[in-house]
PDB file of N, CA and C in Angstrom:
ATOM      1  N   MET A   1       0.927  -1.576  -0.186  1.00  0.00           N
ATOM      2  CA  MET A   1       0.143   0.134  -0.161  1.00  0.00           C
ATOM      3  C   MET A   1       1.118   1.557   0.047  1.00  0.00           C
ATOM      4  N   GLU A   2       2.034   1.425   0.603  1.00  0.00           N
ATOM      5  CA  GLU A   2       2.795   2.496   0.865  1.00  0.00           C
ATOM      6  C   GLU A   2       3.504   2.484  -0.621  1.00  0.00           C
ATOM      7  N   GLN A   3       3.748   1.629  -1.330  1.00  0.00           N
ATOM      8  CA  GLN A   3       4.380   1.846  -3.199  1.00  0.00           C
ATOM      9  C   GLN A   3       3.587   2.670  -3.689  1.00  0.00           C
ATOM     10  N   MET A   4       1.896   2.012  -3.078  1.00  0.00           N
ATOM     11  CA  MET A   4       1.611   2.504  -4.284  1.00  0.00           C
ATOM     12  C   MET A   4       0.710   4.017  -3.746  1.00  0.00           C
ATOM     13  N   ALA A   5       1.058   4.282  -2.868  1.00  0.00           N
ATOM     14  CA  ALA A   5       1.224   6.274  -2.677  1.00  0.00           C
ATOM     15  C   ALA A   5       1.982   6.332  -3.175  1.00  0.00           C
ATOM     16  N   LEU A   6       3.373   5.985  -2.996  1.00  0.00           N
ATOM     17  CA  LEU A   6       4.605   6.824  -3.466  1.00  0.00           C
ATOM     18  C   LEU A   6       4.561   6.544  -4.825  1.00  0.00           C
ATOM     19  N   ASN A   7       3.979   6.129  -5.345  1.00  0.00           N
ATOM     20  CA  ASN A   7       4.120   5.931  -7.231  1.00  0.00           C
ATOM     21  C   ASN A   7       2.657   6.929  -7.291  1.00  0.00           C
ATOM     22  N   TYR A   8       1.796   6.780  -6.499  1.00  0.00           N
ATOM     23  CA  TYR A   8       0.492   8.010  -6.896  1.00  0.00           C
ATOM     24  C   TYR A   8       1.586   9.239  -6.683  1.00  0.00           C
ATOM     25  N   PHE A   9       1.850   9.813  -5.578  1.00  0.00           N
ATOM     26  CA  PHE A   9       2.730  10.902  -5.412  1.00  0.00           C
ATOM     27  C   PHE A   9       3.611  11.346  -6.625  1.00  0.00           C
ATOM     28  N   ARG A  10       4.366  10.435  -7.367  1.00  0.00           N
ATOM     29  CA  ARG A  10       5.470  10.717  -8.001  1.00  0.00           C
ATOM     30  C   ARG A  10       4.870  10.727  -9.264  1.00  0.00           C
ATOM     31  N   GLY A  11       4.026  10.430  -9.721  1.00  0.00           N
ATOM     32  CA  GLY A  11       3.151  10.690 -10.908  1.00  0.00           C
ATOM     33  C   GLY A  11       2.424  11.899 -10.877  1.00  0.00           C
ATOM     34  N   LEU A  12       2.541  12.527  -9.979  1.00  0.00           N
ATOM     35  CA  LEU A  12       1.739  14.006  -9.399  1.00  0.00           C
ATOM     36  C   LEU A  12       2.827  14.885 -10.165  1.00  0.00           C
ATOM     37  N   ASP A  13       1.951  16.203 -11.025  1.00  0.00           N
ATOM     38  CA  ASP A  13       2.836  17.563 -11.438  1.00  0.00           C
ATOM     39  C   ASP A  13       3.382  18.243 -10.130  1.00  0.00           C
ATOM     40  N   GLU A  14       4.192  18.845 -10.201  1.00  0.00           N
ATOM     41  CA  GLU A  14       4.643  19.679  -9.584  1.00  0.00           C
ATOM     42  C   GLU A  14       3.346  20.784  -8.701  1.00  0.00           C
ATOM     43  N   GLU A  15       2.250  21.023  -9.052  1.00  0.00           N
ATOM     44  CA  GLU A  15       1.384  21.835  -8.473  1.00  0.00           C
ATOM     45  C   GLU A  15       0.393  21.031  -7.812  1.00  0.00           C
ATOM     46  N   GLU A  16       0.533  19.833  -8.316  1.00  0.00           N
ATOM     47  CA  GLU A  16      -0.756  18.611  -7.690  1.00  0.00           C
ATOM     48  C   GLU A  16       0.222  18.112  -6.102  1.00  0.00           C
ATOM     49  N   LYS A  17       1.496  18.019  -6.280  1.00  0.00           N
ATOM     50  CA  LYS A  17       1.955  17.589  -5.114  1.00  0.00           C
ATOM     51  C   LYS A  17       2.422  18.511  -3.916  1.00  0.00           C
ATOM     52  N   LYS A  18       2.395  20.146  -4.531  1.00  0.00           N
ATOM     53  CA  LYS A  18       2.023  21.262  -3.720  1.00  0.00           C
ATOM     54  C   LYS A  18       0.658  21.325  -3.163  1.00  0.00           C
ATOM     55  N   ALA A  19      -0.637  21.097  -3.664  1.00  0.00           N
ATOM     56  CA  ALA A  19      -1.724  20.615  -3.048  1.00  0.00           C
ATOM     57  C   ALA A  19      -1.739  19.912  -2.114  1.00  0.00           C
ATOM     58  N   LEU A  20      -1.303  18.664  -2.525  1.00  0.00           N
ATOM     59  CA  LEU A  20      -1.605  17.581  -1.853  1.00  0.00           C
ATOM     60  C   LEU A  20      -0.904  17.550  -0.386  1.00  0.00           C
ATOM     61  N   ILE A  21       0.456  18.155   0.172  1.00  0.00           N
ATOM     62  CA  ILE A  21       1.323  18.360   0.756  1.00  0.00           C
ATOM     63  C   ILE A  21       0.236  19.211   1.397  1.00  0.00           C
ATOM     64  N   LYS A  22       0.077  20.356   1.121  1.00  0.00           N
ATOM     65  CA  LYS A  22      -0.797  21.215   2.063  1.00  0.00           C
ATOM     66  C   LYS A  22      -2.032  20.891   2.666  1.00  0.00           C
ATOM     67  N   LYS A  23      -2.781  19.938   1.797  1.00  0.00           N
ATOM     68  CA  LYS A  23      -3.872  19.183   2.985  1.00  0.00           C
ATOM     69  C   LYS A  23      -3.587  18.890   3.779  1.00  0.00           C
ATOM     70  N   ILE A  24      -2.693  17.564   3.617  1.00  0.00           N
ATOM     71  CA  ILE A  24      -1.597  16.983   4.199  1.00  0.00           C
ATOM     72  C   ILE A  24      -1.265  17.637   5.674  1.00  0.00           C
ATOM     73  N   PHE A  25      -0.539  19.048   5.381  1.00  0.00           N
ATOM     74  CA  PHE A  25       0.106  19.469   6.728  1.00  0.00           C
ATOM     75  C   PHE A  25      -1.189  20.280   7.408  1.00  0.00           C
ATOM     76  N   ASP A  26      -2.199  20.664   6.320  1.00  0.00           N
ATOM     77  CA  ASP A  26      -3.213  21.755   6.882  1.00  0.00           C
ATOM     78  C   ASP A  26      -4.270  20.736   8.023  1.00  0.00           C
ATOM     79  N   SER A  27      -4.312  19.131   7.824  1.00  0.00           N
ATOM     80  CA  SER A  27      -5.089  18.341   8.797  1.00  0.00           C
ATOM     81  C   SER A  27      -4.336  18.123   9.690  1.00  0.00           C
ATOM     82  N   LEU A  28      -2.977  18.515   9.959  1.00  0.00           N
ATOM     83  CA  LEU A  28      -2.152  17.822  11.366  1.00  0.00           C
ATOM     84  C   LEU A  28      -2.248  18.704  12.331  1.00  0.00           C
ATOM     85  N   SER A  29      -2.514  18.527  13.313  1.00  0.00           N
ATOM     86  CA  SER A  29      -2.264  19.378  14.835  1.00  0.00           C
ATOM     87  C   SER A  29      -1.336  19.767  14.728  1.00  0.00           C
ATOM     88  N   ASP A  30      -1.524  21.268  15.366  1.00  0.00           N
ATOM     89  CA  ASP A  30      -0.166  22.216  15.555  1.00  0.00           C
ATOM     90  C   ASP A  30       0.719  21.587  16.453  1.00  0.00           C
ATOM     91  N   LYS A  31       1.124  20.277  17.516  1.00  0.00           N
ATOM     92  CA  LYS A  31       1.621  19.778  18.148  1.00  0.00           C
ATOM     93  C   LYS A  31       2.381  18.859  16.865  1.00  0.00           C
ATOM     94  N   GLU A  32       1.820  17.777  16.138  1.00  0.00           N
ATOM     95  CA  GLU A  32       2.474  17.482  14.952  1.00  0.00           C
ATOM     96  C   GLU A  32       3.270  18.519  13.938  1.00  0.00           C
ATOM     97  N   LYS A  33       2.998  20.097  14.004  1.00  0.00           N
ATOM     98  CA  LYS A  33       3.431  20.826  12.634  1.00  0.00           C
ATOM     99  C   LYS A  33       4.591  20.865  13.277  1.00  0.00           C
ATOM    100  N   LEU A  34       4.541  21.402  15.198  1.00  0.00           N
ATOM    101  CA  LEU A  34       5.541  21.833  15.838  1.00  0.00           C
ATOM    102  C   LEU A  34       7.079  20.277  15.551  1.00  0.00           C
ATOM    103  N   GLU A  35       6.827  19.070  15.798  1.00  0.00           N
ATOM    104  CA  GLU A  35       7.190  18.094  15.901  1.00  0.00           C
ATOM    105  C   GLU A  35       8.418  18.511  14.296  1.00  0.00           C
ATOM    106  N   ILE A  36       7.517  18.315  12.854  1.00  0.00           N
ATOM    107  CA  ILE A  36       7.957  18.448  11.912  1.00  0.00           C
ATOM    108  C   ILE A  36       8.602  19.462  11.308  1.00  0.00           C
ATOM    109  N   ALA A  37       8.397  20.878  12.645  1.00  0.00           N
ATOM    110  CA  ALA A  37       9.513  21.997  11.907  1.00  0.00           C
ATOM    111  C   ALA A  37      11.108  21.826  12.704  1.00  0.00           C
ATOM    112  N   LYS A  38      11.111  21.239  13.583  1.00  0.00           N
ATOM    113  CA  LYS A  38      11.843  20.874  14.692  1.00  0.00           C
ATOM    114  C   LYS A  38      12.825  19.873  13.854  1.00  0.00           C
ATOM    115  N   LEU A  39      11.899  18.888  13.265  1.00  0.00           N
ATOM    116  CA  LEU A  39      12.854  17.874  12.358  1.00  0.00           C
ATOM    117  C   LEU A  39      13.502  18.432  11.005  1.00  0.00           C
ATOM    118  N   LEU A  40      12.785  19.296  10.179  1.00  0.00           N
ATOM    119  CA  LEU A  40      13.484  20.352   9.452  1.00  0.00           C
ATOM    120  C   LEU A  40      14.859  21.267   9.849  1.00  0.00           C
ATOM    121  N   THR A  41      14.549  21.710  10.952  1.00  0.00           N
ATOM    122  CA  THR A  41      15.525  22.370  11.756  1.00  0.00           C
ATOM    123  C   THR A  41      16.654  21.416  11.779  1.00  0.00           C
ATOM    124  N   LYS A  42      16.515  20.598  12.541  1.00  0.00           N
ATOM    125  CA  LYS A  42      17.646  19.934  12.507  1.00  0.00           C
ATOM    126  C   LYS A  42      18.892  18.931  11.420  1.00  0.00           C
ATOM    127  N   GLU A  43      17.661  19.006  10.143  1.00  0.00           N
ATOM    128  CA  GLU A  43      18.166  18.583   9.430  1.00  0.00           C
ATOM    129  C   GLU A  43      19.164  19.727   8.486  1.00  0.00           C
ATOM    130  N   MET A  44      18.704  20.963   8.394  1.00  0.00           N
ATOM    131  CA  MET A  44      19.582  21.886   7.912  1.00  0.00           C
ATOM    132  C   MET A  44      21.158  22.566   8.998  1.00  0.00           C
ATOM    133  N   ASP A  45      21.045  21.708   9.682  1.00  0.00           N
ATOM    134  CA  ASP A  45      22.200  21.915  10.678  1.00  0.00           C
ATOM    135  C   ASP A  45      23.241  21.454  10.018  1.00  0.00           C
TER     136      ASP A  45
END
């Protein structure tokens, strides 16, 4: 199932990917958004 989702995502054009990511991000709680921000910040160090 995970592979099917990845293949679907890879098949989207850039604008469709952005829209899907925005939908997913908007559905997250503030706590989940904060955790993602922390992980992204770590990756930049």
